[in-house]
Amino acid sequence: MKYIGFIILTFMALCSCKNEPDELFEISYDIDSTVFEAGLNQFQVHYLDSYEVNTRIDEYLAANGRTRDDISSIVPKSAEITNLLTNTSLDFLQRINLHVFDGSQFTPDVTENVTEIFFRDNVPQDRRTFIDLLPALPNVKDQMLKDKFNISLRVQLRVPPPNTVEARMKIRFSVQ
């Protein structure tokens, strides 16, 4: 009788486990075009768009011995922003959102199929040269199986950047 609580908790733990799809492989992208210019206004939201990033999906598929039909989903795994050239702290960033979208650099006001893939609300103020972003949960298989994709970094500043900061975004997706 005294073990009934333990048995119930064990049963609940075993029954609540879900089978998550196995990761087939990981795809990774480095985007160096992120620049925070000195004197940006902290009262506005700033968008930094990168157009036509090569997905290299055919290379990843060939390297892992897979086909497009083997892929059931592609979900965000991890992302980070790293200061490249200086030791300037990135604590001037307040909120960061990363989206993939369909559109063209020739018509930047027309965006479709916008999907948030990573975010970080209230970035800790102790960040020196590295900020990790939290993955959102959408399946971005449709965008990532194309030859190229567009990515938009949306930032809100806590204070204006003390000087111009060049940063790299490293983005990883899990292919399942």
N, C-alpha and C. Protein backbone atom coordinates (compact mmCIF):
# COMPACT_ATOMS: atom_id res chain seq x y z
N MET A 1 0.81 -1.19 0.00
CA MET A 1 0.00 0.00 0.00
C MET A 1 0.86 1.27 0.00
N LYS A 2 2.02 1.19 0.68
CA LYS A 2 2.86 2.39 0.74
C LYS A 2 3.59 2.67 -0.57
N TYR A 3 3.59 1.72 -1.52
CA TYR A 3 4.25 1.92 -2.81
C TYR A 3 3.29 2.31 -3.92
N ILE A 4 2.02 2.46 -3.61
CA ILE A 4 1.03 2.74 -4.65
C ILE A 4 1.30 4.10 -5.31
N GLY A 5 1.72 5.09 -4.56
CA GLY A 5 2.03 6.41 -5.13
C GLY A 5 3.20 6.33 -6.10
N PHE A 6 4.22 5.57 -5.72
CA PHE A 6 5.38 5.38 -6.59
C PHE A 6 4.99 4.65 -7.88
N ILE A 7 4.15 3.65 -7.78
CA ILE A 7 3.70 2.89 -8.94
C ILE A 7 2.88 3.78 -9.87
N ILE A 8 2.01 4.60 -9.32
CA ILE A 8 1.18 5.50 -10.13
C ILE A 8 2.06 6.53 -10.85
N LEU A 9 3.03 7.13 -10.16
CA LEU A 9 3.92 8.10 -10.79
C LEU A 9 4.76 7.46 -11.89
N THR A 10 5.24 6.26 -11.65
CA THR A 10 6.02 5.56 -12.67
C THR A 10 5.17 5.25 -13.89
N PHE A 11 3.96 4.80 -13.68
CA PHE A 11 3.05 4.51 -14.78
C PHE A 11 2.74 5.77 -15.58
N MET A 12 2.49 6.88 -14.91
CA MET A 12 2.19 8.14 -15.60
C MET A 12 3.40 8.63 -16.39
N ALA A 13 4.59 8.47 -15.85
CA ALA A 13 5.79 8.90 -16.55
C ALA A 13 6.02 8.07 -17.81
N LEU A 14 5.79 6.80 -17.73
CA LEU A 14 5.99 5.93 -18.89
C LEU A 14 4.92 6.15 -19.96
N CYS A 15 3.71 6.43 -19.56
CA CYS A 15 2.62 6.63 -20.52
C CYS A 15 2.68 7.99 -21.18
N SER A 16 3.29 8.97 -20.54
CA SER A 16 3.31 10.33 -21.11
C SER A 16 4.45 10.53 -22.09
N CYS A 17 5.34 9.57 -22.22
CA CYS A 17 6.44 9.70 -23.16
C CYS A 17 5.92 9.59 -24.58
N LYS A 18 6.37 10.50 -25.44
CA LYS A 18 5.97 10.47 -26.84
C LYS A 18 7.16 10.06 -27.68
N ASN A 19 6.89 9.37 -28.73
CA ASN A 19 7.95 9.02 -29.65
C ASN A 19 8.18 10.19 -30.59
N GLU A 20 9.30 10.85 -30.43
CA GLU A 20 9.64 11.94 -31.33
C GLU A 20 10.35 11.36 -32.53
N PRO A 21 10.14 11.96 -33.70
CA PRO A 21 10.83 11.44 -34.89
C PRO A 21 12.35 11.54 -34.72
N ASP A 22 13.03 10.57 -35.26
CA ASP A 22 14.48 10.56 -35.19
C ASP A 22 15.04 11.62 -36.12
N GLU A 23 16.13 12.22 -35.69
CA GLU A 23 16.80 13.21 -36.53
C GLU A 23 17.59 12.47 -37.60
N LEU A 24 17.31 12.79 -38.85
CA LEU A 24 18.04 12.18 -39.96
C LEU A 24 19.42 12.81 -40.10
N PHE A 25 19.44 14.15 -40.06
CA PHE A 25 20.69 14.90 -40.09
C PHE A 25 20.40 16.35 -39.72
N GLU A 26 21.45 17.11 -39.60
CA GLU A 26 21.35 18.52 -39.21
C GLU A 26 21.86 19.39 -40.36
N ILE A 27 21.18 20.50 -40.60
CA ILE A 27 21.67 21.46 -41.59
C ILE A 27 22.01 22.74 -40.86
N SER A 28 23.08 23.38 -41.32
CA SER A 28 23.61 24.55 -40.62
C SER A 28 23.93 25.65 -41.62
N TYR A 29 23.69 26.89 -41.21
CA TYR A 29 23.96 28.04 -42.07
C TYR A 29 24.65 29.13 -41.25
N ASP A 30 25.65 29.75 -41.84
CA ASP A 30 26.32 30.91 -41.25
C ASP A 30 25.99 32.11 -42.10
N ILE A 31 25.45 33.14 -41.48
CA ILE A 31 25.07 34.36 -42.18
C ILE A 31 25.84 35.51 -41.54
N ASP A 32 26.76 36.12 -42.32
CA ASP A 32 27.65 37.15 -41.80
C ASP A 32 27.15 38.58 -42.00
N SER A 33 26.01 38.75 -42.60
CA SER A 33 25.60 40.10 -43.00
C SER A 33 24.88 40.89 -41.92
N THR A 34 24.96 40.47 -40.69
CA THR A 34 24.27 41.17 -39.62
C THR A 34 25.14 42.31 -39.11
N VAL A 35 24.67 43.55 -39.30
CA VAL A 35 25.42 44.71 -38.86
C VAL A 35 24.51 45.62 -38.03
N PHE A 36 24.94 45.93 -36.82
CA PHE A 36 24.24 46.89 -35.98
C PHE A 36 25.06 48.17 -35.99
N GLU A 37 24.54 49.19 -36.66
CA GLU A 37 25.29 50.43 -36.82
C GLU A 37 25.19 51.29 -35.57
N ALA A 38 26.28 51.99 -35.28
CA ALA A 38 26.30 52.89 -34.13
C ALA A 38 25.23 53.95 -34.31
N GLY A 39 24.53 54.26 -33.23
CA GLY A 39 23.53 55.32 -33.27
C GLY A 39 22.15 54.88 -33.71
N LEU A 40 21.90 53.57 -33.88
CA LEU A 40 20.54 53.14 -34.23
C LEU A 40 19.57 53.58 -33.13
N ASN A 41 18.38 53.95 -33.52
CA ASN A 41 17.37 54.44 -32.60
C ASN A 41 16.76 53.30 -31.80
N GLN A 42 16.75 53.40 -30.48
CA GLN A 42 16.20 52.34 -29.66
C GLN A 42 14.68 52.39 -29.58
N PHE A 43 14.06 53.41 -30.15
CA PHE A 43 12.60 53.53 -30.10
C PHE A 43 11.93 52.95 -31.34
N GLN A 44 12.70 52.38 -32.25
CA GLN A 44 12.17 51.76 -33.45
C GLN A 44 12.56 50.29 -33.48
N VAL A 45 11.79 49.52 -34.24
CA VAL A 45 12.12 48.13 -34.49
C VAL A 45 12.94 48.09 -35.77
N HIS A 46 14.02 47.35 -35.76
CA HIS A 46 14.93 47.29 -36.91
C HIS A 46 14.87 45.90 -37.54
N TYR A 47 14.84 45.87 -38.88
CA TYR A 47 14.80 44.62 -39.63
C TYR A 47 16.06 44.50 -40.46
N LEU A 48 16.71 43.37 -40.38
CA LEU A 48 17.89 43.08 -41.18
C LEU A 48 17.57 41.84 -42.00
N ASP A 49 17.36 42.03 -43.29
CA ASP A 49 16.95 40.94 -44.16
C ASP A 49 18.12 40.40 -44.97
N SER A 50 18.16 39.10 -45.11
CA SER A 50 19.13 38.43 -45.99
C SER A 50 18.33 37.64 -47.01
N TYR A 51 18.55 37.98 -48.28
CA TYR A 51 17.79 37.36 -49.36
C TYR A 51 18.61 36.28 -50.05
N GLU A 52 17.91 35.29 -50.54
CA GLU A 52 18.46 34.22 -51.36
C GLU A 52 19.67 33.53 -50.73
N VAL A 53 19.49 33.09 -49.51
CA VAL A 53 20.51 32.27 -48.84
C VAL A 53 20.42 30.87 -49.45
N ASN A 54 21.52 30.36 -49.91
CA ASN A 54 21.55 29.06 -50.57
C ASN A 54 21.32 27.96 -49.53
N THR A 55 20.29 27.14 -49.73
CA THR A 55 19.98 26.08 -48.76
C THR A 55 20.95 24.91 -48.84
N ARG A 56 21.55 24.68 -49.99
CA ARG A 56 22.45 23.54 -50.21
C ARG A 56 21.78 22.22 -49.82
N ILE A 57 20.46 22.16 -49.98
CA ILE A 57 19.71 20.98 -49.54
C ILE A 57 20.12 19.74 -50.33
N ASP A 58 20.39 19.90 -51.62
CA ASP A 58 20.80 18.73 -52.41
C ASP A 58 22.14 18.18 -51.92
N GLU A 59 23.06 19.07 -51.51
CA GLU A 59 24.34 18.62 -50.96
C GLU A 59 24.15 17.86 -49.65
N TYR A 60 23.29 18.39 -48.77
CA TYR A 60 23.03 17.72 -47.49
C TYR A 60 22.38 16.36 -47.72
N LEU A 61 21.42 16.30 -48.65
CA LEU A 61 20.75 15.03 -48.94
C LEU A 61 21.73 14.00 -49.48
N ALA A 62 22.59 14.41 -50.42
CA ALA A 62 23.57 13.49 -51.00
C ALA A 62 24.58 13.02 -49.96
N ALA A 63 25.03 13.93 -49.11
CA ALA A 63 26.02 13.58 -48.09
C ALA A 63 25.47 12.60 -47.07
N ASN A 64 24.15 12.64 -46.85
CA ASN A 64 23.54 11.76 -45.85
C ASN A 64 22.79 10.59 -46.47
N GLY A 65 22.88 10.44 -47.79
CA GLY A 65 22.25 9.31 -48.46
C GLY A 65 20.73 9.32 -48.35
N ARG A 66 20.13 10.48 -48.44
CA ARG A 66 18.68 10.62 -48.31
C ARG A 66 18.09 11.27 -49.55
N THR A 67 16.78 11.19 -49.67
CA THR A 67 16.06 11.88 -50.73
C THR A 67 15.06 12.83 -50.08
N ARG A 68 14.47 13.68 -50.89
CA ARG A 68 13.46 14.61 -50.38
C ARG A 68 12.26 13.87 -49.80
N ASP A 69 11.95 12.70 -50.34
CA ASP A 69 10.82 11.92 -49.85
C ASP A 69 11.05 11.36 -48.44
N ASP A 70 12.31 11.24 -48.02
CA ASP A 70 12.62 10.72 -46.69
C ASP A 70 12.34 11.74 -45.59
N ILE A 71 12.20 13.01 -45.96
CA ILE A 71 12.06 14.09 -44.97
C ILE A 71 10.59 14.29 -44.63
N SER A 72 10.27 14.17 -43.35
CA SER A 72 8.90 14.44 -42.90
C SER A 72 8.77 15.86 -42.36
N SER A 73 9.84 16.40 -41.78
CA SER A 73 9.79 17.76 -41.26
C SER A 73 11.20 18.32 -41.10
N ILE A 74 11.28 19.63 -41.12
CA ILE A 74 12.51 20.36 -40.81
C ILE A 74 12.13 21.40 -39.77
N VAL A 75 12.71 21.28 -38.59
CA VAL A 75 12.36 22.17 -37.48
C VAL A 75 13.60 22.91 -36.98
N PRO A 76 13.42 24.12 -36.46
CA PRO A 76 14.56 24.87 -35.90
C PRO A 76 15.17 24.12 -34.72
N LYS A 77 16.49 24.13 -34.65
CA LYS A 77 17.19 23.43 -33.58
C LYS A 77 17.92 24.41 -32.66
N SER A 78 18.79 25.25 -33.22
CA SER A 78 19.50 26.23 -32.41
C SER A 78 19.97 27.37 -33.28
N ALA A 79 20.18 28.51 -32.65
CA ALA A 79 20.69 29.69 -33.35
C ALA A 79 21.47 30.53 -32.36
N GLU A 80 22.46 31.22 -32.89
CA GLU A 80 23.27 32.09 -32.05
C GLU A 80 23.75 33.29 -32.86
N ILE A 81 23.92 34.39 -32.19
CA ILE A 81 24.48 35.60 -32.79
C ILE A 81 25.79 35.88 -32.07
N THR A 82 26.85 36.03 -32.84
CA THR A 82 28.19 36.23 -32.28
C THR A 82 28.80 37.49 -32.86
N ASN A 83 29.37 38.32 -32.01
CA ASN A 83 30.08 39.51 -32.44
C ASN A 83 31.41 39.07 -33.06
N LEU A 84 31.69 39.53 -34.28
CA LEU A 84 32.87 39.04 -35.00
C LEU A 84 34.16 39.81 -34.73
N LEU A 85 34.10 41.13 -34.80
CA LEU A 85 35.33 41.89 -34.87
C LEU A 85 35.76 42.56 -33.57
N THR A 86 34.84 42.92 -32.75
CA THR A 86 35.20 43.68 -31.55
C THR A 86 34.75 42.92 -30.32
N ASN A 87 35.15 43.41 -29.17
CA ASN A 87 34.68 42.82 -27.93
C ASN A 87 33.54 43.63 -27.34
N THR A 88 32.85 44.39 -28.19
CA THR A 88 31.71 45.18 -27.75
C THR A 88 30.61 44.24 -27.27
N SER A 89 30.05 44.56 -26.14
CA SER A 89 28.99 43.74 -25.57
C SER A 89 27.73 43.85 -26.42
N LEU A 90 27.00 42.77 -26.50
CA LEU A 90 25.73 42.76 -27.22
C LEU A 90 24.54 43.03 -26.30
N ASP A 91 24.80 43.58 -25.12
CA ASP A 91 23.72 43.81 -24.18
C ASP A 91 22.81 44.98 -24.56
N PHE A 92 23.10 45.65 -25.67
CA PHE A 92 22.20 46.71 -26.16
C PHE A 92 20.97 46.12 -26.84
N LEU A 93 20.95 44.82 -27.10
CA LEU A 93 19.80 44.17 -27.72
C LEU A 93 18.78 43.78 -26.66
N GLN A 94 17.53 44.12 -26.89
CA GLN A 94 16.45 43.83 -25.95
C GLN A 94 15.64 42.59 -26.37
N ARG A 95 15.22 42.56 -27.64
CA ARG A 95 14.36 41.49 -28.13
C ARG A 95 14.79 41.13 -29.55
N ILE A 96 14.83 39.83 -29.85
CA ILE A 96 15.28 39.35 -31.15
C ILE A 96 14.28 38.31 -31.66
N ASN A 97 13.88 38.45 -32.91
CA ASN A 97 13.04 37.47 -33.59
C ASN A 97 13.67 37.16 -34.94
N LEU A 98 13.65 35.91 -35.31
CA LEU A 98 14.22 35.47 -36.59
C LEU A 98 13.12 34.77 -37.37
N HIS A 99 12.89 35.21 -38.62
CA HIS A 99 11.83 34.68 -39.46
C HIS A 99 12.38 34.20 -40.79
N VAL A 100 11.74 33.21 -41.37
CA VAL A 100 11.96 32.88 -42.78
C VAL A 100 10.72 33.36 -43.52
N PHE A 101 10.93 33.78 -44.77
CA PHE A 101 9.80 34.32 -45.53
C PHE A 101 10.06 34.14 -47.02
N ASP A 102 9.00 34.29 -47.79
CA ASP A 102 9.08 34.29 -49.24
C ASP A 102 8.99 35.73 -49.70
N GLY A 103 9.81 36.09 -50.66
CA GLY A 103 9.80 37.45 -51.19
C GLY A 103 11.02 37.69 -52.04
N SER A 104 11.16 38.91 -52.51
CA SER A 104 12.27 39.28 -53.38
C SER A 104 12.91 40.56 -52.87
N GLN A 105 14.21 40.67 -53.05
CA GLN A 105 14.90 41.88 -52.63
C GLN A 105 14.51 43.07 -53.50
N PHE A 106 13.94 42.82 -54.67
CA PHE A 106 13.52 43.90 -55.55
C PHE A 106 12.17 44.48 -55.14
N THR A 107 11.39 43.73 -54.38
CA THR A 107 10.13 44.22 -53.81
C THR A 107 10.12 43.88 -52.32
N PRO A 108 10.92 44.58 -51.51
CA PRO A 108 11.06 44.22 -50.09
C PRO A 108 9.80 44.43 -49.26
N ASP A 109 8.85 45.22 -49.76
CA ASP A 109 7.63 45.44 -49.00
C ASP A 109 6.63 44.30 -49.15
N VAL A 110 6.87 43.41 -50.11
CA VAL A 110 5.97 42.28 -50.35
C VAL A 110 6.62 41.02 -49.78
N THR A 111 6.11 40.59 -48.64
CA THR A 111 6.60 39.35 -48.02
C THR A 111 5.41 38.42 -47.80
N GLU A 112 5.64 37.15 -48.02
CA GLU A 112 4.59 36.15 -47.85
C GLU A 112 5.15 34.99 -47.06
N ASN A 113 4.24 34.23 -46.48
CA ASN A 113 4.62 32.99 -45.82
C ASN A 113 5.67 33.23 -44.73
N VAL A 114 5.46 34.25 -43.92
CA VAL A 114 6.40 34.61 -42.85
C VAL A 114 6.22 33.65 -41.69
N THR A 115 7.32 33.03 -41.25
CA THR A 115 7.28 32.06 -40.16
C THR A 115 8.40 32.35 -39.17
N GLU A 116 8.03 32.53 -37.91
CA GLU A 116 9.05 32.75 -36.88
C GLU A 116 9.73 31.42 -36.58
N ILE A 117 11.08 31.45 -36.58
CA ILE A 117 11.82 30.21 -36.32
C ILE A 117 12.63 30.28 -35.02
N PHE A 118 13.09 31.47 -34.64
CA PHE A 118 13.83 31.63 -33.39
C PHE A 118 13.43 32.96 -32.75
N PHE A 119 13.60 33.05 -31.44
CA PHE A 119 13.29 34.28 -30.73
C PHE A 119 14.11 34.36 -29.45
N ARG A 120 14.17 35.53 -28.92
CA ARG A 120 14.75 35.75 -27.59
C ARG A 120 14.16 37.04 -27.06
N ASP A 121 13.27 36.93 -26.09
CA ASP A 121 12.67 38.10 -25.45
C ASP A 121 13.48 38.43 -24.21
N ASN A 122 13.65 39.72 -23.98
CA ASN A 122 14.41 40.20 -22.83
C ASN A 122 15.78 39.53 -22.75
N VAL A 123 16.61 39.85 -23.71
CA VAL A 123 17.97 39.32 -23.76
C VAL A 123 18.69 39.72 -22.46
N PRO A 124 19.30 38.76 -21.78
CA PRO A 124 20.01 39.09 -20.54
C PRO A 124 21.09 40.15 -20.78
N GLN A 125 21.25 41.04 -19.82
CA GLN A 125 22.20 42.15 -19.98
C GLN A 125 23.64 41.74 -19.76
N ASP A 126 23.89 40.51 -19.37
CA ASP A 126 25.26 40.06 -19.15
C ASP A 126 25.89 39.44 -20.39
N ARG A 127 25.28 39.62 -21.56
CA ARG A 127 25.79 39.02 -22.78
C ARG A 127 26.94 39.85 -23.33
N ARG A 128 28.07 39.23 -23.50
CA ARG A 128 29.22 39.94 -24.04
C ARG A 128 29.24 39.86 -25.56
N THR A 129 29.66 38.78 -26.10
CA THR A 129 29.80 38.70 -27.55
C THR A 129 28.99 37.55 -28.15
N PHE A 130 28.05 36.99 -27.39
CA PHE A 130 27.32 35.81 -27.84
C PHE A 130 25.91 35.84 -27.27
N ILE A 131 24.91 35.59 -28.15
CA ILE A 131 23.52 35.47 -27.71
C ILE A 131 22.95 34.22 -28.35
N ASP A 132 22.41 33.34 -27.53
CA ASP A 132 21.74 32.16 -28.08
C ASP A 132 20.25 32.45 -28.17
N LEU A 133 19.64 31.96 -29.25
CA LEU A 133 18.22 32.17 -29.48
C LEU A 133 17.46 30.89 -29.20
N LEU A 134 16.21 31.03 -28.84
CA LEU A 134 15.38 29.88 -28.52
C LEU A 134 14.60 29.45 -29.77
N PRO A 135 14.53 28.16 -30.05
CA PRO A 135 13.81 27.73 -31.26
C PRO A 135 12.30 27.79 -31.07
N ALA A 136 11.61 28.21 -32.11
CA ALA A 136 10.16 28.10 -32.15
C ALA A 136 9.84 26.69 -32.69
N LEU A 137 8.58 26.37 -32.80
CA LEU A 137 8.23 24.99 -33.12
C LEU A 137 7.74 24.72 -34.53
N PRO A 138 7.76 25.65 -35.46
CA PRO A 138 7.14 25.36 -36.75
C PRO A 138 7.96 24.41 -37.62
N ASN A 139 7.25 23.74 -38.49
CA ASN A 139 7.87 22.90 -39.50
C ASN A 139 8.11 23.80 -40.71
N VAL A 140 9.37 24.00 -41.10
CA VAL A 140 9.71 24.89 -42.22
C VAL A 140 10.22 24.08 -43.41
N LYS A 141 9.69 22.89 -43.55
CA LYS A 141 10.11 22.00 -44.64
C LYS A 141 9.90 22.64 -46.00
N ASP A 142 8.76 23.31 -46.20
CA ASP A 142 8.46 23.91 -47.49
C ASP A 142 9.50 24.95 -47.91
N GLN A 143 9.92 25.81 -46.97
CA GLN A 143 10.91 26.83 -47.30
C GLN A 143 12.31 26.24 -47.46
N MET A 144 12.66 25.26 -46.65
CA MET A 144 14.02 24.75 -46.64
C MET A 144 14.30 23.74 -47.74
N LEU A 145 13.28 23.22 -48.39
CA LEU A 145 13.50 22.30 -49.50
C LEU A 145 13.63 23.05 -50.83
N LYS A 146 13.49 24.36 -50.80
CA LYS A 146 13.73 25.16 -52.01
C LYS A 146 15.24 25.37 -52.16
N ASP A 147 15.66 25.88 -53.30
CA ASP A 147 17.09 26.13 -53.52
C ASP A 147 17.61 27.30 -52.68
N LYS A 148 16.75 28.29 -52.43
CA LYS A 148 17.15 29.47 -51.66
C LYS A 148 16.04 29.86 -50.70
N PHE A 149 16.41 30.50 -49.61
CA PHE A 149 15.41 31.00 -48.67
C PHE A 149 15.82 32.39 -48.22
N ASN A 150 14.86 33.12 -47.67
CA ASN A 150 15.09 34.47 -47.14
C ASN A 150 14.94 34.43 -45.64
N ILE A 151 15.73 35.24 -44.97
CA ILE A 151 15.67 35.27 -43.52
C ILE A 151 15.65 36.72 -43.05
N SER A 152 14.87 36.99 -42.03
CA SER A 152 14.73 38.34 -41.51
C SER A 152 15.02 38.34 -40.02
N LEU A 153 15.91 39.21 -39.61
CA LEU A 153 16.23 39.39 -38.20
C LEU A 153 15.54 40.67 -37.73
N ARG A 154 14.66 40.53 -36.74
CA ARG A 154 13.92 41.67 -36.20
C ARG A 154 14.48 41.93 -34.80
N VAL A 155 14.95 43.15 -34.56
CA VAL A 155 15.54 43.47 -33.26
C VAL A 155 14.92 44.74 -32.68
N GLN A 156 14.76 44.72 -31.38
CA GLN A 156 14.42 45.90 -30.61
C GLN A 156 15.61 46.16 -29.69
N LEU A 157 16.01 47.40 -29.62
CA LEU A 157 17.21 47.75 -28.85
C LEU A 157 16.85 48.25 -27.47
N ARG A 158 17.71 47.95 -26.53
CA ARG A 158 17.59 48.47 -25.17
C ARG A 158 18.14 49.90 -25.13
N VAL A 159 19.29 50.07 -25.76
CA VAL A 159 19.96 51.38 -25.92
C VAL A 159 20.63 51.38 -27.29
N PRO A 160 21.01 52.53 -27.82
CA PRO A 160 21.72 52.52 -29.11
C PRO A 160 23.06 51.78 -28.99
N PRO A 161 23.48 51.09 -30.05
CA PRO A 161 24.78 50.41 -30.02
C PRO A 161 25.91 51.43 -29.80
N PRO A 162 26.90 51.12 -28.98
CA PRO A 162 27.99 52.06 -28.71
C PRO A 162 28.88 52.30 -29.92
N ASN A 163 29.01 51.31 -30.79
CA ASN A 163 29.73 51.44 -32.05
C ASN A 163 29.19 50.40 -33.02
N THR A 164 29.64 50.45 -34.24
CA THR A 164 29.15 49.51 -35.24
C THR A 164 29.63 48.10 -34.90
N VAL A 165 28.70 47.17 -34.93
CA VAL A 165 28.98 45.78 -34.56
C VAL A 165 28.64 44.90 -35.75
N GLU A 166 29.61 44.13 -36.21
CA GLU A 166 29.36 43.12 -37.23
C GLU A 166 29.22 41.78 -36.52
N ALA A 167 28.15 41.08 -36.86
CA ALA A 167 27.85 39.83 -36.17
C ALA A 167 27.56 38.73 -37.17
N ARG A 168 27.71 37.51 -36.71
CA ARG A 168 27.41 36.32 -37.51
C ARG A 168 26.26 35.58 -36.84
N MET A 169 25.32 35.14 -37.67
CA MET A 169 24.25 34.27 -37.19
C MET A 169 24.59 32.85 -37.61
N LYS A 170 24.57 31.95 -36.68
CA LYS A 170 24.75 30.53 -36.98
C LYS A 170 23.41 29.86 -36.65
N ILE A 171 22.81 29.25 -37.69
CA ILE A 171 21.48 28.70 -37.55
C ILE A 171 21.55 27.20 -37.87
N ARG A 172 20.89 26.39 -37.03
CA ARG A 172 20.86 24.94 -37.23
C ARG A 172 19.42 24.46 -37.26
N PHE A 173 19.15 23.56 -38.20
CA PHE A 173 17.83 22.93 -38.30
C PHE A 173 17.99 21.43 -38.15
N SER A 174 16.99 20.81 -37.58
CA SER A 174 16.95 19.36 -37.46
C SER A 174 16.05 18.80 -38.55
N VAL A 175 16.60 17.91 -39.36
CA VAL A 175 15.84 17.28 -40.43
C VAL A 175 15.37 15.93 -39.92
N GLN A 176 14.06 15.73 -39.95
CA GLN A 176 13.47 14.51 -39.41
C GLN A 176 12.70 13.78 -40.48
